[in-house]
Structures are given as C-alpha cells and as structure tokens.
Amino acid sequence: MLNLEWFRTFKAVYETGNLSTAAQALFISQPGVSVHLNSLEAYTGYRLFERVTKKMIPTERGIILYNCIIDPINKLEDAEESFHRNSSVEKPTISVGMGFEIFKYTLEEHLAQLPFNLVLRFGEYRQILQELDTGKLDLVLTPKKGSETNLEYIPFTKERIILICGSETDTEQFDTLLLTNEKTAIREWLKEQIWYTTAADMEYLEHFWMANFDCLPDLKPNYIVPYYSSILRCLSKGKGFAVIPDFLAKKELALKSVKLAWEGSPHVENILHFGKRKKTIYSNEIRQLEQILTENWF
C-alpha cells in the first residue's frame, strides 16, 4: 500500500541532497529515511537516486517524480500547517561556515533577533566547502568555488589582499625599494622582517607572495596567533608585517593604528561568494542571513 510519508521523505531527500539532512528536516532517524526511500523505489519499480558518497543525486525518474508530486505535497503540507492545533513550531536549524572575523563584525550582534537556530562553523575554506558539499553546512562565505552541480555560488563582495605593518615599523627603505620595482630585492628585504600570521593557515600570504614574487614564501613567521584581529592588535602597538584582507583592517587603517605597506603589484583580489545548495528547504532562512551579511558588511 502506498504511504504518503514516502513522498514527503522523497521530497526532503531531493531538496537537501543528503540523507542525514533530510532526516533532521523531517525529525526522523536516518535509517527511517532509508526505509521510506527504499519502499518508494520498490513500489515504483525505479531507482530514484544515485547513491554517491554522502550525496543523493536524483535520476531521470526521480526528477520526473519530483515534478509530479511537488505541488500536491506542498498543498498537503500547507493544509496540515493550517489545521494543526499545536501552536508551538519547531525552529529550523541552519548551519553556516565562514571566517571568525566576518562573523564577529557582521553577524554576531544580530543572533538574538534570528527566528531560527544557527550553528556556526569556523575553518579553512577548503574544509567548509567540503562540508557544504556533504550537507553538513547550508551556507558558506568563500572566495573559492567548487564544481559540484548541486551547489551554486552567488558573488557577494570583493576582497583585496594587502601587506600591512605596525604603526612603529620603519618602512623608509622598503618604500625606496618599491620605487625601483626590484622584486628580488623587495622579497629579500621582507624576509628579514618580523612577520605575523594566523594559526589557521597561510593561504593569503602564499597567494600574495606567489602573485608578486612568483614563488611561495620561504620565510618563517615570528608570531602565529589565532585570528587576524589578534594580528591587528599586536601591530597597533609595535613593529612587523602581515598579509591580510583589506576589509578586516579598514578601521585600523583609518585610525592609523596600522599602516598600509604595499597593495602589491599586481593587486591580489578575490570575489567572495555565498555558497549554498541549489535545492534547499531553508531558502527563506538563508535569504535572511544573506541580507544581514550584505547590509552589515564592513
């Protein structure tokens, strides 16, 4: 006998692309999702999804079935919501991956006003992209883009990678070298200076170094700290250099607590994107987050 819950489960798996995420959305166990899906496939006589590692890719039959049932299922869910006697509604939980500083300066103060639960994930870009692909994250802010067909990347803003230095750093010799544009001399001089970087990774430094000197940095940082905000506080009271996204140092540069040493030649720029799944049951919540981040950008 056909069970309508099979269709609801099928719809959730189709829209999330992941068994565990569908289970969370339906408030059932992952084995329960598998049972519903297997039962529906047995009933229809067709394979509705290709099982890839931690992903569910709809087959042609799956796409046809989804297009047939989406409107009726939505109407049933609307009717269920209208006639439900229980006024308490379970808040959805959205998982987001971004840099810690971006969260701190743009989103943190707005958490209490969000009408849904939020789980933040801070990590390297390659790591949060992988977690977006596997369904652990619903939204990421990233300068990198993957090639997965179930994901989309919407351009959000631009960042420029710059070289900054402490307010007490003597840059007279460095400024003279920049005028000569002798890249080898510039690189050798920089290698002798005090350097700060973050504990997470040296990706920005490597990107800047490769673009300007055509090689990876062969220097050893003197101070490795947790976050870029830590670097800015350290440099505001002393000497040294760091490579950092320009928007993170905007306030300190305006206050002259740190100095812009070099923008690079050529400039090193990245486009930041909102990364998300093309089909998601959390589109309204994700749209709210995108609006908050856009309106409160640096």
Protein backbone atom coordinates (compact mmCIF):
# COMPACT_ATOMS: atom_id res chain seq x y z
CA MET A 1 0.00 0.00 0.00
CA LEU A 2 1.29 3.46 -0.91
CA ASN A 3 2.29 5.63 2.06
CA LEU A 4 2.20 9.42 1.64
CA GLU A 5 5.11 9.74 4.09
CA TRP A 6 7.29 8.09 1.46
CA PHE A 7 6.65 11.06 -0.82
CA ARG A 8 7.45 13.57 1.94
CA THR A 9 10.70 11.75 2.61
CA PHE A 10 11.49 11.60 -1.12
CA LYS A 11 10.85 15.37 -1.40
CA ALA A 12 13.15 16.13 1.56
CA VAL A 13 15.97 13.97 0.19
CA TYR A 14 15.59 15.51 -3.28
CA GLU A 15 15.76 19.06 -1.91
CA THR A 16 18.60 18.52 0.55
CA GLY A 17 20.63 16.01 -1.47
CA ASN A 18 21.63 14.26 1.73
CA LEU A 19 20.05 11.54 3.90
CA SER A 20 21.16 12.94 7.26
CA THR A 21 19.99 16.48 6.44
CA ALA A 22 16.64 15.14 5.24
CA ALA A 23 16.30 13.17 8.47
CA GLN A 24 16.90 16.33 10.51
CA ALA A 25 14.32 18.25 8.49
CA LEU A 26 11.72 15.51 8.96
CA PHE A 27 12.63 14.84 12.62
CA ILE A 28 13.10 11.14 11.95
CA SER A 29 16.15 8.88 12.00
CA GLN A 30 18.42 8.43 9.00
CA PRO A 31 17.58 4.69 8.85
CA GLY A 32 13.92 5.73 8.75
CA VAL A 33 14.63 7.92 5.73
CA SER A 34 16.36 5.00 4.01
CA VAL A 35 13.40 2.69 4.72
CA HIS A 36 10.92 5.19 3.24
CA LEU A 37 13.07 5.75 0.17
CA ASN A 38 13.69 2.06 -0.45
CA SER A 39 9.97 1.36 -0.06
CA LEU A 40 9.06 4.04 -2.60
CA GLU A 41 11.64 2.75 -5.09
CA ALA A 42 10.30 -0.77 -4.65
CA TYR A 43 6.74 0.49 -5.19
CA THR A 44 7.57 2.49 -8.33
CA GLY A 45 9.97 -0.11 -9.67
CA TYR A 46 12.61 2.52 -10.46
CA ARG A 47 15.81 3.76 -8.88
CA LEU A 48 15.09 7.36 -7.87
CA PHE A 49 18.57 8.38 -6.70
CA GLU A 50 22.18 7.54 -7.43
CA ARG A 51 23.95 6.96 -4.13
CA VAL A 52 27.28 8.82 -4.11
CA THR A 53 29.45 9.31 -1.02
CA LYS A 54 27.30 11.34 1.40
CA LYS A 55 25.18 12.63 -1.51
CA MET A 56 21.97 11.62 -3.25
CA ILE A 57 21.76 12.56 -6.94
CA PRO A 58 18.29 12.21 -8.49
CA THR A 59 17.93 10.00 -11.55
CA GLU A 60 15.78 10.97 -14.54
CA ARG A 61 12.90 9.02 -12.99
CA GLY A 62 13.49 10.82 -9.71
CA ILE A 63 13.33 14.22 -11.40
CA ILE A 64 10.09 13.28 -13.17
CA LEU A 65 8.53 12.03 -9.94
CA TYR A 66 9.56 15.18 -8.04
CA ASN A 67 7.98 17.44 -10.67
CA CYS A 68 4.77 15.39 -10.46
CA ILE A 69 4.38 15.42 -6.67
CA ILE A 70 5.87 18.75 -5.59
CA ASP A 71 2.68 20.85 -5.92
CA PRO A 72 0.31 18.30 -4.31
CA ILE A 73 2.73 17.67 -1.44
CA ASN A 74 3.18 21.39 -0.81
CA LYS A 75 -0.61 21.84 -0.71
CA LEU A 76 -0.95 18.97 1.76
CA GLU A 77 1.76 20.48 3.97
CA ASP A 78 0.05 23.88 3.83
CA ALA A 79 -3.24 22.28 4.83
CA GLU A 80 -1.53 20.39 7.65
CA GLU A 81 0.01 23.60 8.96
CA SER A 82 -3.31 25.48 8.76
CA PHE A 83 -5.26 22.84 10.71
CA HIS A 84 -2.56 21.92 13.20
CA ARG A 85 -3.81 22.58 16.71
CA ASN A 86 -0.37 22.86 18.26
CA SER A 87 0.79 26.46 18.07
CA SER A 88 4.37 25.67 19.01
CA VAL A 89 6.54 25.43 15.90
CA GLU A 90 9.94 23.78 15.93
CA LYS A 91 12.61 26.24 14.89
CA PRO A 92 14.73 25.14 11.93
CA THR A 93 18.49 24.96 12.46
CA ILE A 94 20.79 26.49 9.85
CA SER A 95 24.49 25.61 9.72
CA VAL A 96 26.82 28.28 8.33
CA GLY A 97 30.55 28.27 7.58
CA MET A 98 32.57 31.50 7.48
CA GLY A 99 35.66 33.21 8.86
CA PHE A 100 35.56 34.09 12.56
CA GLU A 101 36.19 37.79 11.97
CA ILE A 102 33.40 38.02 9.40
CA PHE A 103 31.02 36.53 11.96
CA LYS A 104 32.27 38.79 14.73
CA TYR A 105 31.88 42.05 12.83
CA THR A 106 28.77 41.39 10.70
CA LEU A 107 26.55 38.73 12.24
CA GLU A 108 27.27 38.29 15.94
CA GLU A 109 25.18 41.23 17.20
CA HIS A 110 22.13 40.06 15.22
CA LEU A 111 21.93 36.49 16.54
CA ALA A 112 19.29 37.24 19.17
CA GLN A 113 16.88 38.54 16.50
CA LEU A 114 17.09 35.48 14.23
CA PRO A 115 13.81 33.48 14.08
CA PHE A 116 15.74 30.22 13.69
CA ASN A 117 18.59 28.34 15.33
CA LEU A 118 22.10 28.89 13.99
CA VAL A 119 25.21 26.72 14.15
CA LEU A 120 28.48 28.42 13.11
CA ARG A 121 31.47 26.60 11.70
CA PHE A 122 34.85 28.33 11.51
CA GLY A 123 37.58 26.69 9.45
CA GLU A 124 39.65 26.72 6.29
CA TYR A 125 37.81 27.41 3.07
CA ARG A 126 38.53 24.00 1.58
CA GLN A 127 37.14 22.37 4.70
CA ILE A 128 33.88 24.32 4.85
CA LEU A 129 33.36 23.79 1.11
CA GLN A 130 33.64 20.06 1.65
CA GLU A 131 31.12 20.24 4.48
CA LEU A 132 28.73 22.23 2.27
CA ASP A 133 29.01 19.53 -0.38
CA THR A 134 28.31 16.73 2.10
CA GLY A 135 25.28 18.52 3.58
CA LYS A 136 26.76 19.45 6.96
CA LEU A 137 26.52 23.16 6.12
CA ASP A 138 23.67 25.09 4.50
CA LEU A 139 25.52 28.33 3.66
CA VAL A 140 29.18 29.34 3.38
CA LEU A 141 31.07 32.55 2.65
CA THR A 142 34.06 31.69 0.49
CA PRO A 143 36.45 33.11 -2.14
CA LYS A 144 36.73 29.62 -3.62
CA LYS A 145 34.17 27.81 -5.76
CA GLY A 146 33.62 24.10 -6.15
CA SER A 147 32.48 22.34 -9.32
CA GLU A 148 29.62 20.32 -7.82
CA THR A 149 26.46 20.62 -9.91
CA ASN A 150 24.15 20.64 -6.88
CA LEU A 151 25.77 23.79 -5.46
CA GLU A 152 25.64 27.41 -6.55
CA TYR A 153 27.92 30.36 -5.77
CA ILE A 154 26.48 33.88 -5.78
CA PRO A 155 29.04 36.76 -5.95
CA PHE A 156 28.79 38.81 -2.78
CA THR A 157 31.68 41.25 -2.48
CA LYS A 158 35.35 41.70 -3.34
CA GLU A 159 38.38 41.50 -1.07
CA ARG A 160 41.89 42.77 -1.79
CA ILE A 161 44.86 41.11 -0.12
CA ILE A 162 47.27 43.74 1.20
CA LEU A 163 50.51 43.99 3.12
CA ILE A 164 50.21 45.96 6.36
CA CYS A 165 52.72 46.81 9.05
CA GLY A 166 52.79 48.03 12.62
CA SER A 167 52.45 51.70 13.40
CA GLU A 168 56.05 51.85 14.64
CA THR A 169 57.57 49.99 11.68
CA ASP A 170 60.26 51.88 9.76
CA THR A 171 59.36 51.49 6.07
CA GLU A 172 61.66 54.11 4.54
CA GLN A 173 63.99 51.57 2.92
CA PHE A 174 61.05 49.45 1.81
CA ASP A 175 59.35 52.44 0.17
CA THR A 176 62.57 53.15 -1.74
CA LEU A 177 62.74 49.55 -2.96
CA LEU A 178 59.13 49.75 -4.15
CA LEU A 179 60.02 52.73 -6.33
CA THR A 180 62.71 50.66 -8.07
CA ASN A 181 60.28 47.74 -8.53
CA GLU A 182 63.15 45.31 -8.00
CA LYS A 183 61.09 42.33 -6.90
CA THR A 184 64.05 40.22 -5.78
CA ALA A 185 65.36 43.00 -3.54
CA ILE A 186 61.88 43.65 -2.18
CA ARG A 187 61.40 39.97 -1.38
CA GLU A 188 64.79 39.63 0.33
CA TRP A 189 64.14 42.72 2.45
CA LEU A 190 60.73 41.45 3.53
CA LYS A 191 62.19 38.07 4.52
CA GLU A 192 64.34 39.82 7.13
CA GLN A 193 61.40 41.48 8.86
CA ILE A 194 59.15 40.46 11.74
CA TRP A 195 56.13 38.52 10.50
CA TYR A 196 52.70 37.68 11.89
CA THR A 197 50.26 35.09 10.56
CA THR A 198 47.24 33.17 11.78
CA ALA A 199 47.18 29.66 13.17
CA ALA A 200 44.50 28.51 10.71
CA ASP A 201 46.51 28.76 7.52
CA MET A 202 48.92 30.89 5.47
CA GLU A 203 46.78 30.89 2.33
CA TYR A 204 46.55 34.68 1.99
CA LEU A 205 50.30 35.09 2.48
CA GLU A 206 51.03 32.37 -0.07
CA HIS A 207 48.62 33.89 -2.59
CA PHE A 208 50.11 37.38 -2.19
CA TRP A 209 53.68 36.08 -2.37
CA MET A 210 53.07 33.96 -5.44
CA ALA A 211 51.35 36.81 -7.32
CA ASN A 212 54.12 39.31 -6.59
CA PHE A 213 57.26 37.18 -6.46
CA ASP A 214 56.27 34.12 -8.49
CA CYS A 215 57.21 31.76 -5.68
CA LEU A 216 55.93 30.54 -2.34
CA PRO A 217 57.09 32.41 0.79
CA ASP A 218 60.31 30.99 2.20
CA LEU A 219 60.10 32.87 5.47
CA LYS A 220 59.30 31.65 8.96
CA PRO A 221 56.63 33.70 10.79
CA ASN A 222 57.77 35.04 14.13
CA TYR A 223 54.30 35.08 15.68
CA ILE A 224 51.42 32.74 14.87
CA VAL A 225 48.20 33.92 16.52
CA PRO A 226 44.59 32.66 16.41
CA TYR A 227 42.86 35.38 14.39
CA TYR A 228 43.52 38.40 12.20
CA SER A 229 42.04 40.63 14.89
CA SER A 230 44.88 39.42 17.15
CA ILE A 231 47.41 40.43 14.49
CA LEU A 232 45.88 43.89 14.22
CA ARG A 233 46.03 44.41 17.98
CA CYS A 234 49.66 43.29 18.09
CA LEU A 235 50.71 45.50 15.18
CA SER A 236 48.93 48.53 16.60
CA LYS A 237 51.46 48.58 19.44
CA GLY A 238 54.63 47.59 17.67
CA LYS A 239 56.56 46.57 14.58
CA GLY A 240 56.13 43.85 12.00
CA PHE A 241 54.31 42.84 8.83
CA ALA A 242 51.28 40.75 7.91
CA VAL A 243 49.25 39.94 4.81
CA ILE A 244 45.53 40.42 5.42
CA PRO A 245 42.22 41.00 3.57
CA ASP A 246 41.70 44.75 3.28
CA PHE A 247 38.20 44.83 4.79
CA LEU A 248 39.45 43.37 8.08
CA ALA A 249 41.94 46.22 8.52
CA LYS A 250 39.65 49.02 7.32
CA LYS A 251 39.04 50.51 10.77
CA GLU A 252 42.67 50.25 11.91
CA LEU A 253 43.96 51.82 8.69
CA ALA A 254 41.52 54.72 9.09
CA LEU A 255 42.68 55.24 12.69
CA LYS A 256 46.32 54.85 11.56
CA SER A 257 46.96 52.26 14.25
CA VAL A 258 48.46 50.15 11.44
CA LYS A 259 49.94 51.23 8.11
CA LEU A 260 49.35 50.12 4.55
CA ALA A 261 52.80 48.98 3.46
CA TRP A 262 52.00 47.71 -0.05
CA GLU A 263 48.94 46.76 -2.09
CA GLY A 264 51.06 44.55 -4.29
CA SER A 265 51.87 44.76 -7.97
CA PRO A 266 49.75 43.28 -9.38
CA HIS A 267 46.88 43.64 -6.92
CA VAL A 268 45.63 40.39 -5.47
CA GLU A 269 41.84 40.26 -5.31
CA ASN A 270 39.23 37.61 -4.60
CA ILE A 271 35.48 37.55 -5.15
CA LEU A 272 33.64 36.38 -2.04
CA HIS A 273 30.62 34.19 -2.72
CA PHE A 274 27.60 32.88 -0.91
CA GLY A 275 27.84 29.13 -1.44
CA LYS A 276 24.69 27.05 -0.98
CA ARG A 277 22.73 24.13 -2.39
CA LYS A 278 20.52 24.86 -5.38
CA LYS A 279 17.65 22.95 -3.81
CA THR A 280 17.07 23.55 -0.11
CA ILE A 281 14.16 23.62 2.31
CA TYR A 282 15.83 26.53 4.13
CA SER A 283 15.75 29.11 1.33
CA ASN A 284 13.90 31.72 3.44
CA GLU A 285 16.31 31.41 6.36
CA ILE A 286 19.34 31.55 4.07
CA ARG A 287 17.93 34.64 2.35
CA GLN A 288 17.63 36.38 5.74
CA LEU A 289 21.25 35.60 6.57
CA GLU A 290 22.44 36.86 3.18
CA GLN A 291 20.53 40.10 3.71
CA ILE A 292 22.01 40.66 7.17
CA LEU A 293 25.55 39.99 5.94
CA THR A 294 25.09 42.28 2.93
CA GLU A 295 23.62 45.16 4.94
CA ASN A 296 26.25 44.95 7.68
CA TRP A 297 29.35 44.35 5.59
CA PHE A 298 32.48 46.21 6.62
